[in-house]
PDB file of N, CA and C in Angstrom:
ATOM      1  N   UNK A   1      17.838 130.109 128.198  1.00  0.00           N
ATOM      2  CA  UNK A   1      18.665 130.915 127.307  1.00  0.00           C
ATOM      3  C   UNK A   1      17.932 131.182 126.003  1.00  0.00           C
ATOM      4  N   UNK A   2      18.379 132.176 125.266  1.00  0.00           N
ATOM      5  CA  UNK A   2      17.746 132.514 124.004  1.00  0.00           C
ATOM      6  C   UNK A   2      17.905 131.384 122.993  1.00  0.00           C
ATOM      7  N   UNK A   3      19.000 130.642 123.093  1.00  0.00           N
ATOM      8  CA  UNK A   3      19.256 129.557 122.159  1.00  0.00           C
ATOM      9  C   UNK A   3      18.132 128.536 122.180  1.00  0.00           C
ATOM     10  N   UNK A   4      17.598 128.244 123.365  1.00  0.00           N
ATOM     11  CA  UNK A   4      16.594 127.193 123.476  1.00  0.00           C
ATOM     12  C   UNK A   4      15.162 127.719 123.471  1.00  0.00           C
ATOM     13  N   UNK A   5      14.972 129.034 123.234  1.00  0.00           N
ATOM     14  CA  UNK A   5      13.620 129.568 123.169  1.00  0.00           C
ATOM     15  C   UNK A   5      12.942 129.101 121.889  1.00  0.00           C
ATOM     16  N   UNK A   6      11.689 128.684 122.030  1.00  0.00           N
ATOM     17  CA  UNK A   6      10.934 128.207 120.877  1.00  0.00           C
ATOM     18  C   UNK A   6       9.458 128.401 121.157  1.00  0.00           C
ATOM     19  N   UNK A   7       8.667 128.313 120.096  1.00  0.00           N
ATOM     20  CA  UNK A   7       7.221 128.373 120.263  1.00  0.00           C
ATOM     21  C   UNK A   7       6.772 127.174 121.090  1.00  0.00           C
ATOM     22  N   UNK A   8       5.586 127.270 121.687  1.00  0.00           N
ATOM     23  CA  UNK A   8       5.091 126.123 122.458  1.00  0.00           C
ATOM     24  C   UNK A   8       5.012 124.835 121.639  1.00  0.00           C
ATOM     25  N   UNK A   9       4.646 124.947 120.361  1.00  0.00           N
ATOM     26  CA  UNK A   9       4.527 123.741 119.530  1.00  0.00           C
ATOM     27  C   UNK A   9       5.869 123.032 119.392  1.00  0.00           C
ATOM     28  N   UNK A  10       6.907 123.776 119.047  1.00  0.00           N
ATOM     29  CA  UNK A  10       8.217 123.153 118.860  1.00  0.00           C
ATOM     30  C   UNK A  10       8.782 122.672 120.192  1.00  0.00           C
ATOM     31  N   UNK A  11       8.587 123.459 121.242  1.00  0.00           N
ATOM     32  CA  UNK A  11       9.080 123.070 122.566  1.00  0.00           C
ATOM     33  C   UNK A  11       8.386 121.808 123.066  1.00  0.00           C
ATOM     34  N   UNK A  12       7.158 121.595 122.644  1.00  0.00           N
ATOM     35  CA  UNK A  12       6.415 120.396 123.046  1.00  0.00           C
ATOM     36  C   UNK A  12       6.821 119.183 122.200  1.00  0.00           C
ATOM     37  N   UNK A  13       7.047 119.390 120.907  1.00  0.00           N
ATOM     38  CA  UNK A  13       7.320 118.280 119.989  1.00  0.00           C
ATOM     39  C   UNK A  13       8.754 117.758 120.051  1.00  0.00           C
ATOM     40  N   UNK A  14       9.729 118.668 120.001  1.00  0.00           N
ATOM     41  CA  UNK A  14      11.121 118.225 119.856  1.00  0.00           C
ATOM     42  C   UNK A  14      11.612 117.294 120.957  1.00  0.00           C
ATOM     43  N   UNK A  15      11.335 117.568 122.237  1.00  0.00           N
ATOM     44  CA  UNK A  15      11.863 116.665 123.269  1.00  0.00           C
ATOM     45  C   UNK A  15      11.370 115.225 123.116  1.00  0.00           C
ATOM     46  N   UNK A  16      10.181 115.052 122.525  1.00  0.00           N
ATOM     47  CA  UNK A  16       9.609 113.712 122.387  1.00  0.00           C
ATOM     48  C   UNK A  16       9.874 113.085 121.027  1.00  0.00           C
ATOM     49  N   UNK A  17      10.100 113.908 120.008  1.00  0.00           N
ATOM     50  CA  UNK A  17      10.152 113.395 118.639  1.00  0.00           C
ATOM     51  C   UNK A  17      11.535 113.370 117.997  1.00  0.00           C
ATOM     52  N   UNK A  18      12.417 114.315 118.346  1.00  0.00           N
ATOM     53  CA  UNK A  18      13.704 114.379 117.661  1.00  0.00           C
ATOM     54  C   UNK A  18      14.642 113.289 118.141  1.00  0.00           C
ATOM     55  N   UNK A  19      15.244 112.591 117.195  1.00  0.00           N
ATOM     56  CA  UNK A  19      16.203 111.531 117.487  1.00  0.00           C
ATOM     57  C   UNK A  19      17.629 112.033 117.285  1.00  0.00           C
ATOM     58  N   UNK A  20      17.861 112.778 116.189  1.00  0.00           N
ATOM     59  CA  UNK A  20      19.215 113.213 115.851  1.00  0.00           C
ATOM     60  C   UNK A  20      19.130 114.353 114.845  1.00  0.00           C
ATOM     61  N   UNK A  21      20.193 115.138 114.771  1.00  0.00           N
ATOM     62  CA  UNK A  21      20.303 116.183 113.753  1.00  0.00           C
ATOM     63  C   UNK A  21      21.762 116.297 113.354  1.00  0.00           C
ATOM     64  N   UNK A  22      22.010 116.282 112.061  1.00  0.00           N
ATOM     65  CA  UNK A  22      23.360 116.506 111.552  1.00  0.00           C
ATOM     66  C   UNK A  22      23.247 117.158 110.189  1.00  0.00           C
ATOM     67  N   UNK A  23      24.348 117.725 109.723  1.00  0.00           N
ATOM     68  CA  UNK A  23      24.246 118.450 108.476  1.00  0.00           C
ATOM     69  C   UNK A  23      25.525 118.509 107.683  1.00  0.00           C
ATOM     70  N   UNK A  24      25.367 119.036 106.472  1.00  0.00           N
ATOM     71  CA  UNK A  24      26.486 119.272 105.567  1.00  0.00           C
ATOM     72  C   UNK A  24      26.078 120.430 104.649  1.00  0.00           C
ATOM     73  N   UNK A  25      27.015 121.315 104.383  1.00  0.00           N
ATOM     74  CA  UNK A  25      26.716 122.438 103.494  1.00  0.00           C
ATOM     75  C   UNK A  25      25.566 123.273 104.014  1.00  0.00           C
ATOM     76  N   UNK A  26      24.565 123.463 103.175  1.00  0.00           N
ATOM     77  CA  UNK A  26      23.387 124.253 103.531  1.00  0.00           C
ATOM     78  C   UNK A  26      22.241 123.381 104.029  1.00  0.00           C
ATOM     79  N   UNK A  27      22.522 122.119 104.337  1.00  0.00           N
ATOM     80  CA  UNK A  27      21.470 121.162 104.674  1.00  0.00           C
ATOM     81  C   UNK A  27      21.617 120.625 106.086  1.00  0.00           C
ATOM     82  N   UNK A  28      20.476 120.504 106.780  1.00  0.00           N
ATOM     83  CA  UNK A  28      20.426 119.849 108.083  1.00  0.00           C
ATOM     84  C   UNK A  28      19.405 118.726 107.969  1.00  0.00           C
ATOM     85  N   UNK A  29      19.806 117.516 108.338  1.00  0.00           N
ATOM     86  CA  UNK A  29      18.909 116.369 108.349  1.00  0.00           C
ATOM     87  C   UNK A  29      18.508 116.112 109.795  1.00  0.00           C
ATOM     88  N   UNK A  30      17.211 116.177 110.052  1.00  0.00           N
ATOM     89  CA  UNK A  30      16.675 115.937 111.387  1.00  0.00           C
ATOM     90  C   UNK A  30      15.931 114.608 111.355  1.00  0.00           C
ATOM     91  N   UNK A  31      16.351 113.678 112.197  1.00  0.00           N
ATOM     92  CA  UNK A  31      15.676 112.380 112.310  1.00  0.00           C
ATOM     93  C   UNK A  31      14.685 112.461 113.460  1.00  0.00           C
ATOM     94  N   UNK A  32      13.481 111.918 113.234  1.00  0.00           N
ATOM     95  CA  UNK A  32      12.450 111.905 114.264  1.00  0.00           C
ATOM     96  C   UNK A  32      11.960 110.476 114.471  1.00  0.00           C
ATOM     97  N   UNK A  33      11.138 110.298 115.481  1.00  0.00           N
ATOM     98  CA  UNK A  33      10.443 109.029 115.624  1.00  0.00           C
ATOM     99  C   UNK A  33       9.523 108.850 114.425  1.00  0.00           C
ATOM    100  N   UNK A  34       9.173 107.623 114.108  1.00  0.00           N
ATOM    101  CA  UNK A  34       8.300 107.329 112.979  1.00  0.00           C
ATOM    102  C   UNK A  34       7.014 108.141 113.074  1.00  0.00           C
ATOM    103  N   UNK A  35       6.685 108.817 111.986  1.00  0.00           N
ATOM    104  CA  UNK A  35       5.465 109.606 111.927  1.00  0.00           C
ATOM    105  C   UNK A  35       5.597 111.022 112.456  1.00  0.00           C
ATOM    106  N   UNK A  36       6.767 111.394 112.956  1.00  0.00           N
ATOM    107  CA  UNK A  36       6.915 112.703 113.580  1.00  0.00           C
ATOM    108  C   UNK A  36       7.433 113.807 112.697  1.00  0.00           C
ATOM    109  N   UNK A  37       7.953 113.471 111.537  1.00  0.00           N
ATOM    110  CA  UNK A  37       8.665 114.464 110.732  1.00  0.00           C
ATOM    111  C   UNK A  37       7.781 115.614 110.261  1.00  0.00           C
ATOM    112  N   UNK A  38       6.575 115.328 109.802  1.00  0.00           N
ATOM    113  CA  UNK A  38       5.757 116.404 109.240  1.00  0.00           C
ATOM    114  C   UNK A  38       5.343 117.418 110.294  1.00  0.00           C
ATOM    115  N   UNK A  39       4.977 116.958 111.489  1.00  0.00           N
ATOM    116  CA  UNK A  39       4.589 117.893 112.554  1.00  0.00           C
ATOM    117  C   UNK A  39       5.776 118.735 113.005  1.00  0.00           C
ATOM    118  N   UNK A  40       6.948 118.113 113.132  1.00  0.00           N
ATOM    119  CA  UNK A  40       8.139 118.850 113.558  1.00  0.00           C
ATOM    120  C   UNK A  40       8.550 119.848 112.475  1.00  0.00           C
ATOM    121  N   UNK A  41       8.511 119.433 111.211  1.00  0.00           N
ATOM    122  CA  UNK A  41       8.872 120.342 110.116  1.00  0.00           C
ATOM    123  C   UNK A  41       7.939 121.549 110.081  1.00  0.00           C
ATOM    124  N   UNK A  42       6.649 121.321 110.265  1.00  0.00           N
ATOM    125  CA  UNK A  42       5.704 122.437 110.282  1.00  0.00           C
ATOM    126  C   UNK A  42       6.010 123.385 111.439  1.00  0.00           C
ATOM    127  N   UNK A  43       6.335 122.821 112.599  1.00  0.00           N
ATOM    128  CA  UNK A  43       6.674 123.655 113.757  1.00  0.00           C
ATOM    129  C   UNK A  43       7.943 124.464 113.494  1.00  0.00           C
ATOM    130  N   UNK A  44       8.934 123.860 112.835  1.00  0.00           N
ATOM    131  CA  UNK A  44      10.159 124.591 112.478  1.00  0.00           C
ATOM    132  C   UNK A  44       9.813 125.731 111.516  1.00  0.00           C
ATOM    133  N   UNK A  45       8.995 125.441 110.511  1.00  0.00           N
ATOM    134  CA  UNK A  45       8.584 126.482 109.556  1.00  0.00           C
ATOM    135  C   UNK A  45       7.886 127.641 110.265  1.00  0.00           C
ATOM    136  N   UNK A  46       7.029 127.320 111.220  1.00  0.00           N
ATOM    137  CA  UNK A  46       6.259 128.351 111.919  1.00  0.00           C
ATOM    138  C   UNK A  46       7.114 129.217 112.843  1.00  0.00           C
ATOM    139  N   UNK A  47       8.324 128.746 113.172  1.00  0.00           N
ATOM    140  CA  UNK A  47       9.225 129.562 113.991  1.00  0.00           C
ATOM    141  C   UNK A  47       9.618 130.844 113.263  1.00  0.00           C
ATOM    142  N   UNK A  48       9.670 130.797 111.933  1.00  0.00           N
ATOM    143  CA  UNK A  48      10.050 131.982 111.171  1.00  0.00           C
ATOM    144  C   UNK A  48      11.503 132.374 111.333  1.00  0.00           C
ATOM    145  N   UNK A  49      12.364 131.396 111.643  1.00  0.00           N
ATOM    146  CA  UNK A  49      13.783 131.691 111.811  1.00  0.00           C
ATOM    147  C   UNK A  49      14.356 132.165 110.480  1.00  0.00           C
ATOM    148  N   UNK A  50      15.019 133.326 110.444  1.00  0.00           N
ATOM    149  CA  UNK A  50      15.487 133.888 109.177  1.00  0.00           C
ATOM    150  C   UNK A  50      16.530 133.032 108.467  1.00  0.00           C
ATOM    151  N   UNK A  51      17.270 132.219 109.207  1.00  0.00           N
ATOM    152  CA  UNK A  51      18.292 131.390 108.566  1.00  0.00           C
ATOM    153  C   UNK A  51      17.716 130.162 107.869  1.00  0.00           C
ATOM    154  N   UNK A  52      16.454 129.839 108.127  1.00  0.00           N
ATOM    155  CA  UNK A  52      15.825 128.663 107.519  1.00  0.00           C
ATOM    156  C   UNK A  52      15.062 129.085 106.270  1.00  0.00           C
ATOM    157  N   UNK A  53      15.460 128.523 105.124  1.00  0.00           N
ATOM    158  CA  UNK A  53      14.754 128.797 103.876  1.00  0.00           C
ATOM    159  C   UNK A  53      13.481 127.967 103.811  1.00  0.00           C
ATOM    160  N   UNK A  54      13.575 126.705 104.230  1.00  0.00           N
ATOM    161  CA  UNK A  54      12.404 125.841 104.195  1.00  0.00           C
ATOM    162  C   UNK A  54      12.734 124.443 104.660  1.00  0.00           C
ATOM    163  N   UNK A  55      11.692 123.608 104.712  1.00  0.00           N
ATOM    164  CA  UNK A  55      11.841 122.224 105.148  1.00  0.00           C
ATOM    165  C   UNK A  55      11.118 121.298 104.180  1.00  0.00           C
ATOM    166  N   UNK A  56      11.597 120.065 104.109  1.00  0.00           N
ATOM    167  CA  UNK A  56      10.919 118.979 103.403  1.00  0.00           C
ATOM    168  C   UNK A  56      10.820 117.830 104.390  1.00  0.00           C
ATOM    169  N   UNK A  57       9.635 117.243 104.526  1.00  0.00           N
ATOM    170  CA  UNK A  57       9.456 116.195 105.523  1.00  0.00           C
ATOM    171  C   UNK A  57       8.934 114.915 104.894  1.00  0.00           C
ATOM    172  N   UNK A  58       9.516 113.811 105.339  1.00  0.00           N
ATOM    173  CA  UNK A  58       8.993 112.495 105.015  1.00  0.00           C
ATOM    174  C   UNK A  58       8.253 111.971 106.224  1.00  0.00           C
ATOM    175  N   UNK A  59       8.474 110.713 106.566  1.00  0.00           N
ATOM    176  CA  UNK A  59       7.811 110.095 107.710  1.00  0.00           C
ATOM    177  C   UNK A  59       8.623 110.275 108.989  1.00  0.00           C
ATOM    178  N   UNK A  60       9.949 110.043 108.869  1.00  0.00           N
ATOM    179  CA  UNK A  60      10.810 110.154 110.052  1.00  0.00           C
ATOM    180  C   UNK A  60      12.067 110.974 109.791  1.00  0.00           C
ATOM    181  N   UNK A  61      12.063 111.722 108.692  1.00  0.00           N
ATOM    182  CA  UNK A  61      13.237 112.517 108.325  1.00  0.00           C
ATOM    183  C   UNK A  61      12.802 113.870 107.781  1.00  0.00           C
ATOM    184  N   UNK A  62      13.515 114.912 108.218  1.00  0.00           N
ATOM    185  CA  UNK A  62      13.261 116.273 107.738  1.00  0.00           C
ATOM    186  C   UNK A  62      14.552 116.803 107.126  1.00  0.00           C
ATOM    187  N   UNK A  63      14.438 117.421 105.971  1.00  0.00           N
ATOM    188  CA  UNK A  63      15.552 118.136 105.364  1.00  0.00           C
ATOM    189  C   UNK A  63      15.278 119.622 105.560  1.00  0.00           C
ATOM    190  N   UNK A  64      16.174 120.297 106.277  1.00  0.00           N
ATOM    191  CA  UNK A  64      16.053 121.736 106.513  1.00  0.00           C
ATOM    192  C   UNK A  64      17.134 122.425 105.689  1.00  0.00           C
ATOM    193  N   UNK A  65      16.737 123.391 104.877  1.00  0.00           N
ATOM    194  CA  UNK A  65      17.693 124.136 104.059  1.00  0.00           C
ATOM    195  C   UNK A  65      17.939 125.479 104.733  1.00  0.00           C
ATOM    196  N   UNK A  66      19.223 125.789 104.970  1.00  0.00           N
ATOM    197  CA  UNK A  66      19.588 127.055 105.609  1.00  0.00           C
ATOM    198  C   UNK A  66      20.254 127.987 104.595  1.00  0.00           C
ATOM    199  N   UNK A  67      20.209 129.282 104.871  1.00  0.00           N
ATOM    200  CA  UNK A  67      20.719 130.288 103.931  1.00  0.00           C
ATOM    201  C   UNK A  67      22.228 130.224 103.724  1.00  0.00           C
ATOM    202  N   UNK A  68      22.966 130.079 104.812  1.00  0.00           N
ATOM    203  CA  UNK A  68      24.429 130.089 104.729  1.00  0.00           C
ATOM    204  C   UNK A  68      24.973 128.850 105.429  1.00  0.00           C
ATOM    205  N   UNK A  69      26.109 128.379 104.964  1.00  0.00           N
ATOM    206  CA  UNK A  69      26.710 127.204 105.598  1.00  0.00           C
ATOM    207  C   UNK A  69      26.945 127.427 107.079  1.00  0.00           C
ATOM    208  N   UNK A  70      27.313 128.647 107.457  1.00  0.00           N
ATOM    209  CA  UNK A  70      27.592 128.897 108.875  1.00  0.00           C
ATOM    210  C   UNK A  70      26.330 128.823 109.731  1.00  0.00           C
ATOM    211  N   UNK A  71      25.152 128.912 109.120  1.00  0.00           N
ATOM    212  CA  UNK A  71      23.896 128.780 109.865  1.00  0.00           C
ATOM    213  C   UNK A  71      23.629 127.338 110.289  1.00  0.00           C
ATOM    214  N   UNK A  72      24.238 126.399 109.585  1.00  0.00           N
ATOM    215  CA  UNK A  72      23.967 124.979 109.822  1.00  0.00           C
ATOM    216  C   UNK A  72      24.261 124.564 111.258  1.00  0.00           C
ATOM    217  N   UNK A  73      25.460 124.830 111.746  1.00  0.00           N
ATOM    218  CA  UNK A  73      25.817 124.378 113.095  1.00  0.00           C
ATOM    219  C   UNK A  73      25.018 125.125 114.158  1.00  0.00           C
ATOM    220  N   UNK A  74      24.703 126.404 113.905  1.00  0.00           N
ATOM    221  CA  UNK A  74      23.871 127.160 114.852  1.00  0.00           C
ATOM    222  C   UNK A  74      22.477 126.547 114.954  1.00  0.00           C
ATOM    223  N   UNK A  75      21.913 126.157 113.815  1.00  0.00           N
ATOM    224  CA  UNK A  75      20.582 125.558 113.820  1.00  0.00           C
ATOM    225  C   UNK A  75      20.594 124.214 114.545  1.00  0.00           C
ATOM    226  N   UNK A  76      21.607 123.404 114.291  1.00  0.00           N
ATOM    227  CA  UNK A  76      21.694 122.107 114.972  1.00  0.00           C
ATOM    228  C   UNK A  76      21.777 122.315 116.480  1.00  0.00           C
ATOM    229  N   UNK A  77      22.611 123.251 116.918  1.00  0.00           N
ATOM    230  CA  UNK A  77      22.712 123.531 118.361  1.00  0.00           C
ATOM    231  C   UNK A  77      21.384 124.005 118.935  1.00  0.00           C
ATOM    232  N   UNK A  78      20.688 124.849 118.192  1.00  0.00           N
ATOM    233  CA  UNK A  78      19.395 125.360 118.660  1.00  0.00           C
ATOM    234  C   UNK A  78      18.383 124.219 118.794  1.00  0.00           C
ATOM    235  N   UNK A  79      18.303 123.360 117.776  1.00  0.00           N
ATOM    236  CA  UNK A  79      17.362 122.238 117.833  1.00  0.00           C
ATOM    237  C   UNK A  79      17.695 121.293 118.983  1.00  0.00           C
ATOM    238  N   UNK A  80      18.986 121.012 119.175  1.00  0.00           N
ATOM    239  CA  UNK A  80      19.392 120.123 120.269  1.00  0.00           C
ATOM    240  C   UNK A  80      19.054 120.732 121.626  1.00  0.00           C
ATOM    241  N   UNK A  81      19.244 122.048 121.769  1.00  0.00           N
ATOM    242  CA  UNK A  81      18.922 122.712 123.037  1.00  0.00           C
ATOM    243  C   UNK A  81      17.424 122.642 123.327  1.00  0.00           C
ATOM    244  N   UNK A  82      16.606 122.837 122.303  1.00  0.00           N
ATOM    245  CA  UNK A  82      15.153 122.753 122.489  1.00  0.00           C
ATOM    246  C   UNK A  82      14.749 121.319 122.810  1.00  0.00           C
ATOM    247  N   UNK A  83      15.359 120.351 122.116  1.00  0.00           N
ATOM    248  CA  UNK A  83      15.027 118.938 122.350  1.00  0.00           C
ATOM    249  C   UNK A  83      15.380 118.500 123.767  1.00  0.00           C
ATOM    250  N   UNK A  84      16.422 119.106 124.325  1.00  0.00           N
ATOM    251  CA  UNK A  84      16.828 118.754 125.689  1.00  0.00           C
ATOM    252  C   UNK A  84      15.947 119.436 126.734  1.00  0.00           C
ATOM    253  N   UNK A  85      15.086 120.347 126.279  1.00  0.00           N
ATOM    254  CA  UNK A  85      14.171 121.023 127.196  1.00  0.00           C
ATOM    255  C   UNK A  85      14.852 122.104 127.948  1.00  0.00           C
TER     256      UNK A  85
END
């Protein structure tokens, strides 16, 4: 489905690295395995999704900022669909 379409980088990383995603307001917090956040955040940035303003990555946590609150749940569903392969 279109929901789970992603670049090869994100499609390769998310199934192995993403642990959880949840959000509030304009923010989505993506939890990854230790050391995975920066690679996953870069892959999300490279997708060029218009609803994503940007990402901040630590070691195992990514903060994704979305344009509108209604984009938050759509992004979480998209990430979960990609992570499930």
